[in-house]
C-alpha atoms as a PDB file:
ATOM      1  CA  UNK A   1      31.318  15.286  89.054  1.00  0.00           C
ATOM      2  CA  UNK A   2      31.778  18.816  87.689  1.00  0.00           C
ATOM      3  CA  UNK A   3      28.797  21.038  86.962  1.00  0.00           C
ATOM      4  CA  UNK A   4      29.905  21.291  83.332  1.00  0.00           C
ATOM      5  CA  UNK A   5      29.826  17.520  82.878  1.00  0.00           C
ATOM      6  CA  UNK A   6      26.420  17.289  84.574  1.00  0.00           C
ATOM      7  CA  UNK A   7      25.045  19.891  82.146  1.00  0.00           C
ATOM      8  CA  UNK A   8      26.591  18.087  79.155  1.00  0.00           C
ATOM      9  CA  UNK A   9      25.050  14.760  80.136  1.00  0.00           C
ATOM     10  CA  UNK A  10      21.704  16.425  80.785  1.00  0.00           C
ATOM     11  CA  UNK A  11      21.784  17.993  77.308  1.00  0.00           C
ATOM     12  CA  UNK A  12      22.649  14.622  75.757  1.00  0.00           C
ATOM     13  CA  UNK A  13      19.676  12.926  77.370  1.00  0.00           C
ATOM     14  CA  UNK A  14      17.450  15.830  76.334  1.00  0.00           C
ATOM     15  CA  UNK A  15      18.476  15.270  72.704  1.00  0.00           C
ATOM     16  CA  UNK A  16      17.680  11.593  73.060  1.00  0.00           C
ATOM     17  CA  UNK A  17      14.228  12.363  74.443  1.00  0.00           C
ATOM     18  CA  UNK A  18      13.381  14.871  71.691  1.00  0.00           C
ATOM     19  CA  UNK A  19      14.433  12.413  69.011  1.00  0.00           C
ATOM     20  CA  UNK A  20      12.651   9.497  70.646  1.00  0.00           C
ATOM     21  CA  UNK A  21       9.339  11.323  70.481  1.00  0.00           C
ATOM     22  CA  UNK A  22       9.491  11.023  66.681  1.00  0.00           C
ATOM     23  CA  UNK A  23      10.024   7.275  66.556  1.00  0.00           C
ATOM     24  CA  UNK A  24       8.006   4.130  67.098  1.00  0.00           C
ATOM     25  CA  UNK A  25       9.412   1.320  69.172  1.00  0.00           C
ATOM     26  CA  UNK A  26      10.441  -0.770  66.168  1.00  0.00           C
ATOM     27  CA  UNK A  27      11.172   1.870  63.561  1.00  0.00           C
ATOM     28  CA  UNK A  28      10.945   1.657  59.795  1.00  0.00           C
ATOM     29  CA  UNK A  29      14.043   0.090  58.343  1.00  0.00           C
ATOM     30  CA  UNK A  30      15.013   1.340  54.925  1.00  0.00           C
ATOM     31  CA  UNK A  31      15.347  -1.774  52.769  1.00  0.00           C
ATOM     32  CA  UNK A  32      17.867  -0.004  50.575  1.00  0.00           C
ATOM     33  CA  UNK A  33      18.158   1.146  46.998  1.00  0.00           C
ATOM     34  CA  UNK A  34      17.340  -1.525  44.415  1.00  0.00           C
ATOM     35  CA  UNK A  35      20.306  -0.701  42.191  1.00  0.00           C
ATOM     36  CA  UNK A  36      22.598  -0.872  45.222  1.00  0.00           C
ATOM     37  CA  UNK A  37      21.219  -4.333  45.980  1.00  0.00           C
ATOM     38  CA  UNK A  38      21.761  -5.387  42.353  1.00  0.00           C
ATOM     39  CA  UNK A  39      25.416  -4.393  42.579  1.00  0.00           C
ATOM     40  CA  UNK A  40      25.807  -5.914  46.043  1.00  0.00           C
ATOM     41  CA  UNK A  41      24.397  -9.240  44.819  1.00  0.00           C
ATOM     42  CA  UNK A  42      27.519  -9.619  42.667  1.00  0.00           C
ATOM     43  CA  UNK A  43      29.678  -9.366  45.772  1.00  0.00           C
ATOM     44  CA  UNK A  44      30.558  -5.703  45.329  1.00  0.00           C
ATOM     45  CA  UNK A  45      30.566  -3.401  48.351  1.00  0.00           C
ATOM     46  CA  UNK A  46      28.161  -0.483  48.071  1.00  0.00           C
ATOM     47  CA  UNK A  47      26.117   1.792  50.303  1.00  0.00           C
ATOM     48  CA  UNK A  48      26.941   3.574  53.536  1.00  0.00           C
ATOM     49  CA  UNK A  49      29.964   2.585  55.577  1.00  0.00           C
ATOM     50  CA  UNK A  50      29.986   2.036  59.327  1.00  0.00           C
ATOM     51  CA  UNK A  51      33.747   1.526  59.523  1.00  0.00           C
ATOM     52  CA  UNK A  52      36.187   3.662  61.454  1.00  0.00           C
ATOM     53  CA  UNK A  53      38.006   6.008  59.053  1.00  0.00           C
ATOM     54  CA  UNK A  54      41.552   4.919  58.341  1.00  0.00           C
ATOM     55  CA  UNK A  55      44.374   7.102  59.526  1.00  0.00           C
ATOM     56  CA  UNK A  56      46.992   8.176  57.014  1.00  0.00           C
ATOM     57  CA  UNK A  57      49.628   6.774  59.361  1.00  0.00           C
ATOM     58  CA  UNK A  58      49.236   3.929  61.786  1.00  0.00           C
ATOM     59  CA  UNK A  59      46.557   1.284  62.161  1.00  0.00           C
ATOM     60  CA  UNK A  60      42.820   1.742  62.340  1.00  0.00           C
ATOM     61  CA  UNK A  61      41.369   2.505  65.730  1.00  0.00           C
ATOM     62  CA  UNK A  62      39.116  -0.281  66.861  1.00  0.00           C
ATOM     63  CA  UNK A  63      38.397  -0.239  70.559  1.00  0.00           C
ATOM     64  CA  UNK A  64      35.197  -2.182  71.015  1.00  0.00           C
ATOM     65  CA  UNK A  65      33.145  -2.261  74.184  1.00  0.00           C
ATOM     66  CA  UNK A  66      31.376  -5.635  74.313  1.00  0.00           C
ATOM     67  CA  UNK A  67      29.180  -5.068  77.368  1.00  0.00           C
ATOM     68  CA  UNK A  68      25.686  -3.882  76.379  1.00  0.00           C
ATOM     69  CA  UNK A  69      24.547  -0.303  76.942  1.00  0.00           C
ATOM     70  CA  UNK A  70      21.346  -0.461  78.977  1.00  0.00           C
ATOM     71  CA  UNK A  71      20.867   2.990  80.523  1.00  0.00           C
ATOM     72  CA  UNK A  72      18.545   4.578  77.966  1.00  0.00           C
ATOM     73  CA  UNK A  73      16.669   1.318  77.384  1.00  0.00           C
ATOM     74  CA  UNK A  74      15.992   1.006  81.103  1.00  0.00           C
ATOM     75  CA  UNK A  75      14.875   4.609  81.381  1.00  0.00           C
ATOM     76  CA  UNK A  76      12.148   4.189  78.765  1.00  0.00           C
ATOM     77  CA  UNK A  77      11.784   0.427  78.489  1.00  0.00           C
ATOM     78  CA  UNK A  78      10.241  -0.322  81.857  1.00  0.00           C
ATOM     79  CA  UNK A  79      13.283  -2.200  83.122  1.00  0.00           C
ATOM     80  CA  UNK A  80      13.292  -4.803  80.351  1.00  0.00           C
ATOM     81  CA  UNK A  81      16.922  -5.221  79.309  1.00  0.00           C
ATOM     82  CA  UNK A  82      15.931  -6.496  75.861  1.00  0.00           C
ATOM     83  CA  UNK A  83      13.531  -3.660  75.114  1.00  0.00           C
ATOM     84  CA  UNK A  84      14.247  -1.075  72.453  1.00  0.00           C
ATOM     85  CA  UNK A  85      13.832   2.636  73.032  1.00  0.00           C
ATOM     86  CA  UNK A  86      10.087   3.123  73.088  1.00  0.00           C
ATOM     87  CA  UNK A  87       7.920   6.075  72.141  1.00  0.00           C
ATOM     88  CA  UNK A  88       8.043   8.531  75.007  1.00  0.00           C
ATOM     89  CA  UNK A  89       4.775   8.858  76.862  1.00  0.00           C
ATOM     90  CA  UNK A  90       3.628  11.668  79.182  1.00  0.00           C
ATOM     91  CA  UNK A  91       4.430   9.434  82.127  1.00  0.00           C
ATOM     92  CA  UNK A  92       7.983   8.998  80.812  1.00  0.00           C
ATOM     93  CA  UNK A  93       8.323  12.762  80.436  1.00  0.00           C
ATOM     94  CA  UNK A  94       7.098  13.309  83.991  1.00  0.00           C
ATOM     95  CA  UNK A  95       9.507  10.703  85.275  1.00  0.00           C
ATOM     96  CA  UNK A  96      12.429  12.333  83.463  1.00  0.00           C
ATOM     97  CA  UNK A  97      11.515  15.826  84.631  1.00  0.00           C
ATOM     98  CA  UNK A  98      11.343  14.603  88.216  1.00  0.00           C
ATOM     99  CA  UNK A  99      14.962  13.443  88.117  1.00  0.00           C
ATOM    100  CA  UNK A 100      17.260  15.935  89.806  1.00  0.00           C
ATOM    101  CA  UNK A 101      20.190  17.197  87.775  1.00  0.00           C
ATOM    102  CA  UNK A 102      22.195  18.771  90.593  1.00  0.00           C
ATOM    103  CA  UNK A 103      24.533  16.715  92.700  1.00  0.00           C
ATOM    104  CA  UNK A 104      27.158  17.631  95.249  1.00  0.00           C
ATOM    105  CA  UNK A 105      30.419  15.686  95.104  1.00  0.00           C
ATOM    106  CA  UNK A 106      33.184  15.893  97.652  1.00  0.00           C
ATOM    107  CA  UNK A 107      36.107  13.734  98.641  1.00  0.00           C
ATOM    108  CA  UNK A 108      33.872  11.386 100.609  1.00  0.00           C
ATOM    109  CA  UNK A 109      31.419  10.810  97.785  1.00  0.00           C
ATOM    110  CA  UNK A 110      31.694   7.428  96.141  1.00  0.00           C
ATOM    111  CA  UNK A 111      30.687   7.471  92.489  1.00  0.00           C
ATOM    112  CA  UNK A 112      28.581   4.466  91.524  1.00  0.00           C
ATOM    113  CA  UNK A 113      29.178   3.338  87.957  1.00  0.00           C
ATOM    114  CA  UNK A 114      26.985   0.836  86.188  1.00  0.00           C
ATOM    115  CA  UNK A 115      29.061  -2.080  84.909  1.00  0.00           C
ATOM    116  CA  UNK A 116      29.392  -2.125  81.137  1.00  0.00           C
ATOM    117  CA  UNK A 117      28.030   1.401  80.602  1.00  0.00           C
ATOM    118  CA  UNK A 118      30.243   3.670  78.462  1.00  0.00           C
ATOM    119  CA  UNK A 119      31.738   6.594  80.332  1.00  0.00           C
ATOM    120  CA  UNK A 120      32.974   8.799  77.488  1.00  0.00           C
ATOM    121  CA  UNK A 121      32.191   9.835  73.912  1.00  0.00           C
ATOM    122  CA  UNK A 122      34.365   7.121  72.381  1.00  0.00           C
ATOM    123  CA  UNK A 123      32.614   4.468  74.431  1.00  0.00           C
ATOM    124  CA  UNK A 124      29.170   5.637  73.317  1.00  0.00           C
ATOM    125  CA  UNK A 125      30.443   5.748  69.717  1.00  0.00           C
ATOM    126  CA  UNK A 126      31.575   2.139  69.758  1.00  0.00           C
ATOM    127  CA  UNK A 127      28.389   1.054  71.525  1.00  0.00           C
ATOM    128  CA  UNK A 128      26.361   2.886  68.893  1.00  0.00           C
ATOM    129  CA  UNK A 129      28.347   1.155  66.156  1.00  0.00           C
ATOM    130  CA  UNK A 130      27.535  -2.243  67.664  1.00  0.00           C
ATOM    131  CA  UNK A 131      23.843  -1.403  67.942  1.00  0.00           C
ATOM    132  CA  UNK A 132      23.805  -0.142  64.359  1.00  0.00           C
ATOM    133  CA  UNK A 133      25.364  -3.405  63.166  1.00  0.00           C
ATOM    134  CA  UNK A 134      22.549  -5.244  64.969  1.00  0.00           C
ATOM    135  CA  UNK A 135      20.017  -2.869  63.336  1.00  0.00           C
ATOM    136  CA  UNK A 136      18.751  -1.723  66.740  1.00  0.00           C
ATOM    137  CA  UNK A 137      18.241   1.710  65.310  1.00  0.00           C
ATOM    138  CA  UNK A 138      16.526   3.540  68.165  1.00  0.00           C
ATOM    139  CA  UNK A 139      19.151   2.459  70.674  1.00  0.00           C
ATOM    140  CA  UNK A 140      21.943   3.225  68.188  1.00  0.00           C
ATOM    141  CA  UNK A 141      20.594   6.735  67.704  1.00  0.00           C
ATOM    142  CA  UNK A 142      20.439   7.224  71.472  1.00  0.00           C
ATOM    143  CA  UNK A 143      24.040   6.111  71.981  1.00  0.00           C
ATOM    144  CA  UNK A 144      25.403   8.035  68.995  1.00  0.00           C
ATOM    145  CA  UNK A 145      23.509  11.186  69.947  1.00  0.00           C
ATOM    146  CA  UNK A 146      25.146  10.992  73.360  1.00  0.00           C
ATOM    147  CA  UNK A 147      28.578  10.499  71.783  1.00  0.00           C
ATOM    148  CA  UNK A 148      28.069  13.533  69.527  1.00  0.00           C
ATOM    149  CA  UNK A 149      26.908  15.634  72.470  1.00  0.00           C
ATOM    150  CA  UNK A 150      29.878  14.682  74.643  1.00  0.00           C
ATOM    151  CA  UNK A 151      32.364  15.348  71.816  1.00  0.00           C
ATOM    152  CA  UNK A 152      31.040  17.521  68.989  1.00  0.00           C
ATOM    153  CA  UNK A 153      34.323  17.021  67.090  1.00  0.00           C
ATOM    154  CA  UNK A 154      33.936  13.236  66.904  1.00  0.00           C
ATOM    155  CA  UNK A 155      33.091  13.022  63.195  1.00  0.00           C
ATOM    156  CA  UNK A 156      32.303   9.299  63.246  1.00  0.00           C
ATOM    157  CA  UNK A 157      29.550   9.869  65.819  1.00  0.00           C
ATOM    158  CA  UNK A 158      27.823  12.301  63.445  1.00  0.00           C
ATOM    159  CA  UNK A 159      28.427  10.023  60.461  1.00  0.00           C
ATOM    160  CA  UNK A 160      27.060   6.867  62.083  1.00  0.00           C
ATOM    161  CA  UNK A 161      24.138   8.813  63.534  1.00  0.00           C
ATOM    162  CA  UNK A 162      23.344   9.869  59.973  1.00  0.00           C
ATOM    163  CA  UNK A 163      23.513   6.241  58.786  1.00  0.00           C
ATOM    164  CA  UNK A 164      20.968   5.312  61.457  1.00  0.00           C
ATOM    165  CA  UNK A 165      18.705   8.205  60.434  1.00  0.00           C
ATOM    166  CA  UNK A 166      18.927   7.117  56.787  1.00  0.00           C
ATOM    167  CA  UNK A 167      17.871   3.589  57.717  1.00  0.00           C
ATOM    168  CA  UNK A 168      14.928   5.060  59.598  1.00  0.00           C
ATOM    169  CA  UNK A 169      13.954   7.012  56.487  1.00  0.00           C
ATOM    170  CA  UNK A 170      14.737  10.361  58.147  1.00  0.00           C
ATOM    171  CA  UNK A 171      16.875  11.509  55.230  1.00  0.00           C
ATOM    172  CA  UNK A 172      16.878  15.221  56.014  1.00  0.00           C
ATOM    173  CA  UNK A 173      18.145  14.571  59.543  1.00  0.00           C
ATOM    174  CA  UNK A 174      20.700  12.197  58.033  1.00  0.00           C
ATOM    175  CA  UNK A 175      21.936  14.854  55.617  1.00  0.00           C
ATOM    176  CA  UNK A 176      22.374  17.348  58.473  1.00  0.00           C
ATOM    177  CA  UNK A 177      24.418  14.853  60.490  1.00  0.00           C
ATOM    178  CA  UNK A 178      26.554  13.938  57.475  1.00  0.00           C
ATOM    179  CA  UNK A 179      27.247  17.614  56.882  1.00  0.00           C
ATOM    180  CA  UNK A 180      28.332  17.966  60.524  1.00  0.00           C
ATOM    181  CA  UNK A 181      30.663  14.976  60.147  1.00  0.00           C
ATOM    182  CA  UNK A 182      32.278  16.447  57.044  1.00  0.00           C
ATOM    183  CA  UNK A 183      32.454  19.876  58.679  1.00  0.00           C
ATOM    184  CA  UNK A 184      34.347  18.403  61.619  1.00  0.00           C
ATOM    185  CA  UNK A 185      36.780  16.453  59.416  1.00  0.00           C
ATOM    186  CA  UNK A 186      36.958  17.314  55.717  1.00  0.00           C
ATOM    187  CA  UNK A 187      39.453  14.475  55.234  1.00  0.00           C
ATOM    188  CA  UNK A 188      37.056  11.789  56.504  1.00  0.00           C
ATOM    189  CA  UNK A 189      36.543   9.763  53.320  1.00  0.00           C
ATOM    190  CA  UNK A 190      33.883   7.563  54.919  1.00  0.00           C
ATOM    191  CA  UNK A 191      31.835  10.573  56.043  1.00  0.00           C
ATOM    192  CA  UNK A 192      32.021  11.976  52.503  1.00  0.00           C
ATOM    193  CA  UNK A 193      31.057   8.569  51.126  1.00  0.00           C
ATOM    194  CA  UNK A 194      28.062   8.343  53.418  1.00  0.00           C
ATOM    195  CA  UNK A 195      26.969  11.893  52.609  1.00  0.00           C
ATOM    196  CA  UNK A 196      27.324  11.171  48.903  1.00  0.00           C
ATOM    197  CA  UNK A 197      25.339   7.963  49.185  1.00  0.00           C
ATOM    198  CA  UNK A 198      22.599   9.735  51.150  1.00  0.00           C
ATOM    199  CA  UNK A 199      22.373  12.370  48.409  1.00  0.00           C
ATOM    200  CA  UNK A 200      22.197   9.538  45.876  1.00  0.00           C
ATOM    201  CA  UNK A 201      19.308   7.915  47.744  1.00  0.00           C
ATOM    202  CA  UNK A 202      17.449  11.220  47.584  1.00  0.00           C
ATOM    203  CA  UNK A 203      17.979  11.550  43.835  1.00  0.00           C
ATOM    204  CA  UNK A 204      20.492  14.390  44.114  1.00  0.00           C
ATOM    205  CA  UNK A 205      22.916  12.639  41.784  1.00  0.00           C
ATOM    206  CA  UNK A 206      25.110  15.587  40.782  1.00  0.00           C
ATOM    207  CA  UNK A 207      25.809  16.537  44.385  1.00  0.00           C
ATOM    208  CA  UNK A 208      26.369  12.846  45.173  1.00  0.00           C
ATOM    209  CA  UNK A 209      28.979  12.551  42.424  1.00  0.00           C
ATOM    210  CA  UNK A 210      30.775  15.658  43.704  1.00  0.00           C
ATOM    211  CA  UNK A 211      31.021  14.299  47.282  1.00  0.00           C
ATOM    212  CA  UNK A 212      31.925  10.787  46.161  1.00  0.00           C
ATOM    213  CA  UNK A 213      34.677  12.037  43.867  1.00  0.00           C
ATOM    214  CA  UNK A 214      36.148  13.909  46.828  1.00  0.00           C
ATOM    215  CA  UNK A 215      35.941  10.730  48.885  1.00  0.00           C
ATOM    216  CA  UNK A 216      37.612   8.722  46.089  1.00  0.00           C
ATOM    217  CA  UNK A 217      40.499  11.191  45.951  1.00  0.00           C
ATOM    218  CA  UNK A 218      41.029  10.669  49.679  1.00  0.00           C
ATOM    219  CA  UNK A 219      40.654   6.878  49.489  1.00  0.00           C
ATOM    220  CA  UNK A 220      41.412   5.889  45.869  1.00  0.00           C
ATOM    221  CA  UNK A 221      41.346   2.145  46.534  1.00  0.00           C
ATOM    222  CA  UNK A 222      38.115   2.033  48.557  1.00  0.00           C
ATOM    223  CA  UNK A 223      35.764  -0.211  46.566  1.00  0.00           C
ATOM    224  CA  UNK A 224      32.637   0.905  48.423  1.00  0.00           C
ATOM    225  CA  UNK A 225      33.227   4.556  47.546  1.00  0.00           C
ATOM    226  CA  UNK A 226      33.963   3.731  43.908  1.00  0.00           C
ATOM    227  CA  UNK A 227      30.868   1.549  43.551  1.00  0.00           C
ATOM    228  CA  UNK A 228      28.693   4.281  45.053  1.00  0.00           C
ATOM    229  CA  UNK A 229      30.258   6.778  42.657  1.00  0.00           C
ATOM    230  CA  UNK A 230      29.457   4.431  39.763  1.00  0.00           C
ATOM    231  CA  UNK A 231      25.821   4.202  40.869  1.00  0.00           C
ATOM    232  CA  UNK A 232      25.454   7.984  40.952  1.00  0.00           C
ATOM    233  CA  UNK A 233      27.212   8.367  37.581  1.00  0.00           C
ATOM    234  CA  UNK A 234      24.931   5.732  36.074  1.00  0.00           C
ATOM    235  CA  UNK A 235      21.830   7.654  37.138  1.00  0.00           C
ATOM    236  CA  UNK A 236      23.248  10.754  35.461  1.00  0.00           C
ATOM    237  CA  UNK A 237      23.500   8.756  32.228  1.00  0.00           C
ATOM    238  CA  UNK A 238      27.306   8.808  32.358  1.00  0.00           C
ATOM    239  CA  UNK A 239      27.656   5.122  31.550  1.00  0.00           C
ATOM    240  CA  UNK A 240      31.328   5.252  30.504  1.00  0.00           C
ATOM    241  CA  UNK A 241      32.260   6.992  33.741  1.00  0.00           C
ATOM    242  CA  UNK A 242      30.198   4.471  35.698  1.00  0.00           C
ATOM    243  CA  UNK A 243      32.040   1.601  34.003  1.00  0.00           C
ATOM    244  CA  UNK A 244      35.419   3.133  34.863  1.00  0.00           C
ATOM    245  CA  UNK A 245      34.419   3.512  38.520  1.00  0.00           C
ATOM    246  CA  UNK A 246      33.087  -0.056  38.716  1.00  0.00           C
ATOM    247  CA  UNK A 247      36.286  -1.319  37.044  1.00  0.00           C
ATOM    248  CA  UNK A 248      38.483   0.607  39.487  1.00  0.00           C
ATOM    249  CA  UNK A 249      36.534  -0.977  42.337  1.00  0.00           C
ATOM    250  CA  UNK A 250      36.548  -4.598  41.181  1.00  0.00           C
ATOM    251  CA  UNK A 251      38.330  -5.047  37.866  1.00  0.00           C
ATOM    252  CA  UNK A 252      37.211  -4.891  34.240  1.00  0.00           C
ATOM    253  CA  UNK A 253      35.063  -8.032  34.326  1.00  0.00           C
ATOM    254  CA  UNK A 254      33.054  -6.805  37.319  1.00  0.00           C
ATOM    255  CA  UNK A 255      32.872  -3.345  35.763  1.00  0.00           C
ATOM    256  CA  UNK A 256      31.173  -4.697  32.649  1.00  0.00           C
ATOM    257  CA  UNK A 257      28.968  -7.160  34.571  1.00  0.00           C
ATOM    258  CA  UNK A 258      27.728  -4.616  37.131  1.00  0.00           C
ATOM    259  CA  UNK A 259      26.991  -1.968  34.535  1.00  0.00           C
ATOM    260  CA  UNK A 260      25.190  -4.531  32.349  1.00  0.00           C
ATOM    261  CA  UNK A 261      22.931  -5.502  35.267  1.00  0.00           C
ATOM    262  CA  UNK A 262      21.936  -1.865  35.788  1.00  0.00           C
ATOM    263  CA  UNK A 263      21.416  -1.302  32.064  1.00  0.00           C
ATOM    264  CA  UNK A 264      19.078  -4.306  31.893  1.00  0.00           C
ATOM    265  CA  UNK A 265      17.027  -2.845  34.748  1.00  0.00           C
ATOM    266  CA  UNK A 266      16.896   0.481  32.911  1.00  0.00           C
ATOM    267  CA  UNK A 267      15.689  -1.155  29.689  1.00  0.00           C
ATOM    268  CA  UNK A 268      18.911  -0.364  27.830  1.00  0.00           C
ATOM    269  CA  UNK A 269      19.242  -3.855  26.364  1.00  0.00           C
ATOM    270  CA  UNK A 270      21.592  -2.970  23.499  1.00  0.00           C
ATOM    271  CA  UNK A 271      24.103  -1.326  25.816  1.00  0.00           C
ATOM    272  CA  UNK A 272      23.687  -4.176  28.315  1.00  0.00           C
ATOM    273  CA  UNK A 273      24.476  -6.761  25.604  1.00  0.00           C
ATOM    274  CA  UNK A 274      27.641  -4.848  24.674  1.00  0.00           C
ATOM    275  CA  UNK A 275      28.923  -4.955  28.243  1.00  0.00           C
ATOM    276  CA  UNK A 276      27.932  -8.592  28.735  1.00  0.00           C
ATOM    277  CA  UNK A 277      29.812  -9.551  25.574  1.00  0.00           C
ATOM    278  CA  UNK A 278      32.809  -7.548  26.817  1.00  0.00           C
ATOM    279  CA  UNK A 279      32.655  -9.455  30.122  1.00  0.00           C
ATOM    280  CA  UNK A 280      32.402 -12.720  28.171  1.00  0.00           C
ATOM    281  CA  UNK A 281      35.573 -11.910  26.244  1.00  0.00           C
ATOM    282  CA  UNK A 282      37.378 -11.474  29.553  1.00  0.00           C
ATOM    283  CA  UNK A 283      35.931 -14.695  31.022  1.00  0.00           C
ATOM    284  CA  UNK A 284      34.337 -16.943  28.366  1.00  0.00           C
ATOM    285  CA  UNK A 285      33.416 -19.536  31.022  1.00  0.00           C
ATOM    286  CA  UNK A 286      31.262 -17.295  33.238  1.00  0.00           C
ATOM    287  CA  UNK A 287      27.969 -19.141  33.611  1.00  0.00           C
ATOM    288  CA  UNK A 288      26.267 -16.027  34.987  1.00  0.00           C
ATOM    289  CA  UNK A 289      27.204 -13.939  31.944  1.00  0.00           C
ATOM    290  CA  UNK A 290      26.219 -16.683  29.499  1.00  0.00           C
ATOM    291  CA  UNK A 291      22.862 -17.129  31.233  1.00  0.00           C
ATOM    292  CA  UNK A 292      22.153 -13.388  31.121  1.00  0.00           C
ATOM    293  CA  UNK A 293      23.095 -13.214  27.456  1.00  0.00           C
ATOM    294  CA  UNK A 294      20.808 -16.112  26.601  1.00  0.00           C
ATOM    295  CA  UNK A 295      17.888 -14.488  28.417  1.00  0.00           C
ATOM    296  CA  UNK A 296      18.558 -11.038  26.970  1.00  0.00           C
ATOM    297  CA  UNK A 297      18.880 -12.242  23.369  1.00  0.00           C
ATOM    298  CA  UNK A 298      15.737 -14.369  23.683  1.00  0.00           C
ATOM    299  CA  UNK A 299      13.788 -11.435  25.091  1.00  0.00           C
ATOM    300  CA  UNK A 300      14.947  -9.045  22.377  1.00  0.00           C
ATOM    301  CA  UNK A 301      14.098 -11.318  19.449  1.00  0.00           C
ATOM    302  CA  UNK A 302      17.516 -12.724  18.592  1.00  0.00           C
ATOM    303  CA  UNK A 303      16.939 -16.488  18.970  1.00  0.00           C
ATOM    304  CA  UNK A 304      20.110 -17.457  17.097  1.00  0.00           C
ATOM    305  CA  UNK A 305      22.297 -15.517  19.523  1.00  0.00           C
ATOM    306  CA  UNK A 306      20.273 -16.849  22.451  1.00  0.00           C
ATOM    307  CA  UNK A 307      20.766 -20.430  21.259  1.00  0.00           C
ATOM    308  CA  UNK A 308      24.513 -19.916  20.846  1.00  0.00           C
ATOM    309  CA  UNK A 309      24.783 -18.560  24.400  1.00  0.00           C
ATOM    310  CA  UNK A 310      22.711 -21.484  25.752  1.00  0.00           C
ATOM    311  CA  UNK A 311      24.956 -24.028  24.008  1.00  0.00           C
ATOM    312  CA  UNK A 312      28.040 -22.355  25.438  1.00  0.00           C
ATOM    313  CA  UNK A 313      26.403 -22.455  28.885  1.00  0.00           C
ATOM    314  CA  UNK A 314      25.562 -26.169  28.512  1.00  0.00           C
ATOM    315  CA  UNK A 315      29.124 -26.914  27.429  1.00  0.00           C
ATOM    316  CA  UNK A 316      30.485 -25.055  30.463  1.00  0.00           C
ATOM    317  CA  UNK A 317      28.103 -26.914  32.805  1.00  0.00           C
ATOM    318  CA  UNK A 318      29.221 -30.240  31.300  1.00  0.00           C
ATOM    319  CA  UNK A 319      32.891 -29.287  31.694  1.00  0.00           C
ATOM    320  CA  UNK A 320      32.382 -28.426  35.347  1.00  0.00           C
ATOM    321  CA  UNK A 321      30.506 -31.671  36.043  1.00  0.00           C
ATOM    322  CA  UNK A 322      33.314 -33.586  34.371  1.00  0.00           C
ATOM    323  CA  UNK A 323      35.873 -31.782  36.531  1.00  0.00           C
ATOM    324  CA  UNK A 324      33.884 -32.514  39.708  1.00  0.00           C
ATOM    325  CA  UNK A 325      33.683 -36.186  38.759  1.00  0.00           C
ATOM    326  CA  UNK A 326      37.492 -36.298  38.655  1.00  0.00           C
ATOM    327  CA  UNK A 327      37.818 -36.509  34.880  1.00  0.00           C
ATOM    328  CA  UNK A 328      36.391 -40.034  34.705  1.00  0.00           C
END
């Protein structure tokens, strides 16, 4: 093993240790933005992406390493394979400092490799992606930090590391990692999306819109990016722009329905009713829209409109029951 690689690996583990000192064993998962959850409940994609960025030519890279990464967990987890990265104690620090970092290799030296352990930046990236999908945030951060240290130009390592930081509530660290990802690859639409969504979570809506518009220009058909853009535009009070972004992501019906749901939460009942009625004109049989209209009109003192919506809903329920019964 070359001295340069030994130093690189040592630096990677040092980063892991410094970061681990800030975390508890379980972490604090960010439950997400309420408006994002409202939009997601309709089936729309929103939030940060953990996908590999698509190449302009060719298929998406997707090499997945299925064997679990255990090295960091074993170093700090007392040998328990299922343990998460724990808070580093003084004993752990002493144990790490006592490990020699110099090694002499020659032609007769046999290199022992642990089965299933990644051996390059791409391997640590894919392992980190898997851990992030399982919400094992501490271990994901360890793996992704190693990937970023081994290959500083691997934008997805920085981007996914930022996603993990965001879920931990470490938004400033997340922003720094997103910025690194974008700096490495300005054409990475997913990194721009994730940076924009992080800015949105922190209430920096104008900056979020700017990043998300750039991402949408790079990936104009990406529904997740467009939905995130709509969320940021909504919080700037740009409701027409938000509708257009929602509609680009999922069609006119979903555009009206998603915006109406957010307007209801914001107390903008009149505007919400307008968009619900627009959605109803597109699909007069939507039970969800009819139910929302009935509730909204009842709450805002329009019992006649509420009754009309309820009757339409009852008629639609009866039609569906008739259809299920086979028309008998």
